[in-house]
Amino acid sequence: MKAYKLFLTDAEKLRLKQNKCKISELHNYAADELSELMHIEAGKAKEIAALIEFQQVPSVGARFAADLISLGYYSLNDLKDKQGPELLNAYERRHGFRVDPCVEDQFWLVINFANHRGNKNWWDFTPLRKAYREQHGYPSDRPGN
């Protein structure tokens, strides 16, 4: 079973241990169940559930999962109608700096996974990203322009 990185506090880890629940088992719980199990607020439980769901995508780790949450996405279903370039543009605007192009490849990956599942990795989307940016470029308000 996959080991999820969830940024839990010591108190949250202790509550899991007291309830004889392993982090690797948390994917079996909905956010409301996590809230009750761990005695945490609904918002924190929603974030934990999202971190778990996003880390089930091949080659997506905890940091990128947290980036998706920072953009307001809490499930793969939230991403089904999105586009990689629009997510990258929003991410860069939100944070005020440019990021490595492979971050956009990860956005493409997670959207593809949301729609089709499968076992692709972020680098499988590099040619698509390069072709898209060759044709469309970047927005004029991109940080650093």
Protein backbone atom coordinates (compact mmCIF):
# COMPACT_ATOMS: atom_id res chain seq x y z
CA MET A 1 0.00 0.00 0.00
CA LYS A 2 1.23 3.49 -0.76
CA ALA A 3 2.56 5.62 2.07
CA TYR A 4 0.90 9.02 1.87
CA LYS A 5 2.56 12.18 3.11
CA LEU A 6 -0.14 14.19 4.84
CA PHE A 7 1.58 16.89 6.94
CA LEU A 8 -0.11 15.63 10.11
CA THR A 9 0.59 17.06 13.54
CA ASP A 10 1.85 14.84 16.33
CA ALA A 11 -1.60 15.06 17.95
CA GLU A 12 -3.28 13.90 14.73
CA LYS A 13 -0.87 10.99 14.41
CA LEU A 14 -1.54 10.06 18.03
CA ARG A 15 -5.31 10.03 17.43
CA LEU A 16 -4.82 7.67 14.51
CA LYS A 17 -2.70 5.40 16.66
CA GLN A 18 -5.29 5.48 19.45
CA ASN A 19 -7.93 4.45 16.90
CA LYS A 20 -5.64 1.70 15.56
CA CYS A 21 -5.65 3.25 12.11
CA LYS A 22 -2.61 3.44 9.83
CA ILE A 23 -1.96 6.30 7.44
CA SER A 24 -1.88 3.77 4.61
CA GLU A 25 -5.52 2.91 5.41
CA LEU A 26 -6.86 6.48 5.31
CA HIS A 27 -7.81 6.24 1.63
CA ASN A 28 -10.73 4.08 2.81
CA TYR A 29 -12.33 7.02 4.63
CA ALA A 30 -14.38 9.96 3.38
CA ALA A 31 -13.56 13.44 4.68
CA ASP A 32 -16.42 13.42 7.21
CA GLU A 33 -15.22 10.07 8.55
CA LEU A 34 -11.66 11.41 8.82
CA SER A 35 -12.96 14.37 10.78
CA GLU A 36 -14.64 12.11 13.30
CA LEU A 37 -11.83 9.55 13.44
CA MET A 38 -9.11 12.14 13.99
CA HIS A 39 -11.17 14.73 15.91
CA ILE A 40 -10.31 17.46 13.43
CA GLU A 41 -12.27 20.22 11.71
CA ALA A 42 -14.08 19.43 8.48
CA GLY A 43 -11.78 21.69 6.45
CA LYS A 44 -8.64 19.91 7.63
CA ALA A 45 -10.26 16.53 6.95
CA LYS A 46 -11.16 17.71 3.42
CA GLU A 47 -7.52 18.67 2.82
CA ILE A 48 -6.28 15.30 4.08
CA ALA A 49 -8.75 13.47 1.83
CA ALA A 50 -7.56 15.58 -1.13
CA LEU A 51 -3.89 14.93 -0.38
CA ILE A 52 -4.63 11.21 -0.37
CA GLU A 53 -6.65 11.29 -3.57
CA PHE A 54 -4.12 13.37 -5.50
CA GLN A 55 -1.19 11.21 -4.37
CA GLN A 56 -2.89 8.21 -5.98
CA VAL A 57 -1.98 9.72 -9.37
CA PRO A 58 1.31 8.26 -10.66
CA SER A 59 4.30 10.57 -10.04
CA VAL A 60 2.28 13.06 -7.95
CA GLY A 61 3.69 13.68 -4.49
CA ALA A 62 2.52 15.53 -1.44
CA ARG A 63 3.89 18.94 -2.47
CA PHE A 64 2.12 18.95 -5.82
CA ALA A 65 -1.05 17.64 -4.16
CA ALA A 66 -0.81 20.61 -1.76
CA ASP A 67 -0.34 22.93 -4.76
CA LEU A 68 -3.62 21.67 -6.23
CA ILE A 69 -5.37 22.32 -2.92
CA SER A 70 -3.87 25.84 -2.83
CA LEU A 71 -5.64 26.47 -6.14
CA GLY A 72 -8.96 25.35 -4.62
CA TYR A 73 -9.16 21.78 -5.92
CA TYR A 74 -10.07 19.00 -3.52
CA SER A 75 -10.78 16.04 -5.79
CA LEU A 76 -9.89 14.63 -9.17
CA ASN A 77 -13.48 15.27 -10.18
CA ASP A 78 -12.86 19.01 -9.66
CA LEU A 79 -10.18 18.84 -12.37
CA LYS A 80 -12.02 16.96 -15.12
CA ASP A 81 -12.91 20.01 -17.24
CA LYS A 82 -9.66 21.93 -16.66
CA GLN A 83 -6.68 22.46 -18.92
CA GLY A 84 -3.00 22.19 -17.97
CA PRO A 85 -2.04 25.62 -19.32
CA GLU A 86 -4.85 27.39 -17.44
CA LEU A 87 -3.80 25.72 -14.18
CA LEU A 88 -0.17 26.66 -14.68
CA ASN A 89 -1.11 30.25 -15.49
CA ALA A 90 -3.29 30.46 -12.37
CA TYR A 91 -0.56 28.90 -10.23
CA GLU A 92 2.10 31.32 -11.42
CA ARG A 93 -0.20 34.34 -10.98
CA ARG A 94 -1.18 33.21 -7.49
CA HIS A 95 2.41 32.72 -6.37
CA GLY A 96 3.94 35.61 -8.32
CA PHE A 97 6.78 33.69 -9.93
CA ARG A 98 7.51 31.36 -12.83
CA VAL A 99 7.89 27.67 -12.18
CA ASP A 100 9.72 24.89 -13.96
CA PRO A 101 7.91 23.72 -17.12
CA CYS A 102 7.57 20.21 -15.68
CA VAL A 103 5.00 21.63 -13.24
CA GLU A 104 2.72 22.24 -16.20
CA ASP A 105 3.33 18.66 -17.31
CA GLN A 106 2.09 17.56 -13.88
CA PHE A 107 -1.06 19.63 -14.33
CA TRP A 108 -1.63 17.90 -17.68
CA LEU A 109 -1.05 14.53 -15.99
CA VAL A 110 -3.50 15.02 -13.15
CA ILE A 111 -6.22 16.26 -15.52
CA ASN A 112 -5.65 13.29 -17.80
CA PHE A 113 -5.81 10.94 -14.82
CA ALA A 114 -9.02 12.57 -13.60
CA ASN A 115 -10.62 11.86 -16.97
CA HIS A 116 -9.06 8.55 -18.01
CA ARG A 117 -7.12 7.01 -15.09
CA GLY A 118 -4.17 5.01 -16.40
CA ASN A 119 -0.49 4.82 -15.56
CA LYS A 120 1.05 7.78 -17.36
CA ASN A 121 3.72 9.94 -15.76
CA TRP A 122 4.23 13.70 -15.94
CA TRP A 123 6.99 13.40 -18.55
CA ASP A 124 4.56 11.71 -20.93
CA PHE A 125 2.94 15.15 -21.31
CA THR A 126 6.11 17.12 -22.09
CA PRO A 127 5.64 16.88 -25.90
CA LEU A 128 2.01 18.04 -25.61
CA ARG A 129 2.98 20.97 -23.39
CA LYS A 130 5.81 22.00 -25.70
CA ALA A 131 3.56 21.84 -28.77
CA TYR A 132 0.84 23.82 -26.99
CA ARG A 133 3.24 26.53 -25.82
CA GLU A 134 4.89 26.69 -29.25
CA GLN A 135 1.51 27.45 -30.78
CA HIS A 136 -0.06 29.58 -28.01
CA GLY A 137 2.84 30.91 -25.94
CA TYR A 138 2.33 32.24 -22.43
CA PRO A 139 0.04 35.01 -21.21
CA SER A 140 1.38 38.57 -21.33
CA ASP A 141 0.79 38.94 -17.58
CA ARG A 142 3.00 35.97 -16.74
CA PRO A 143 5.25 36.77 -13.76
CA GLY A 144 8.70 37.83 -14.84
CA ASN A 145 7.57 39.33 -18.17
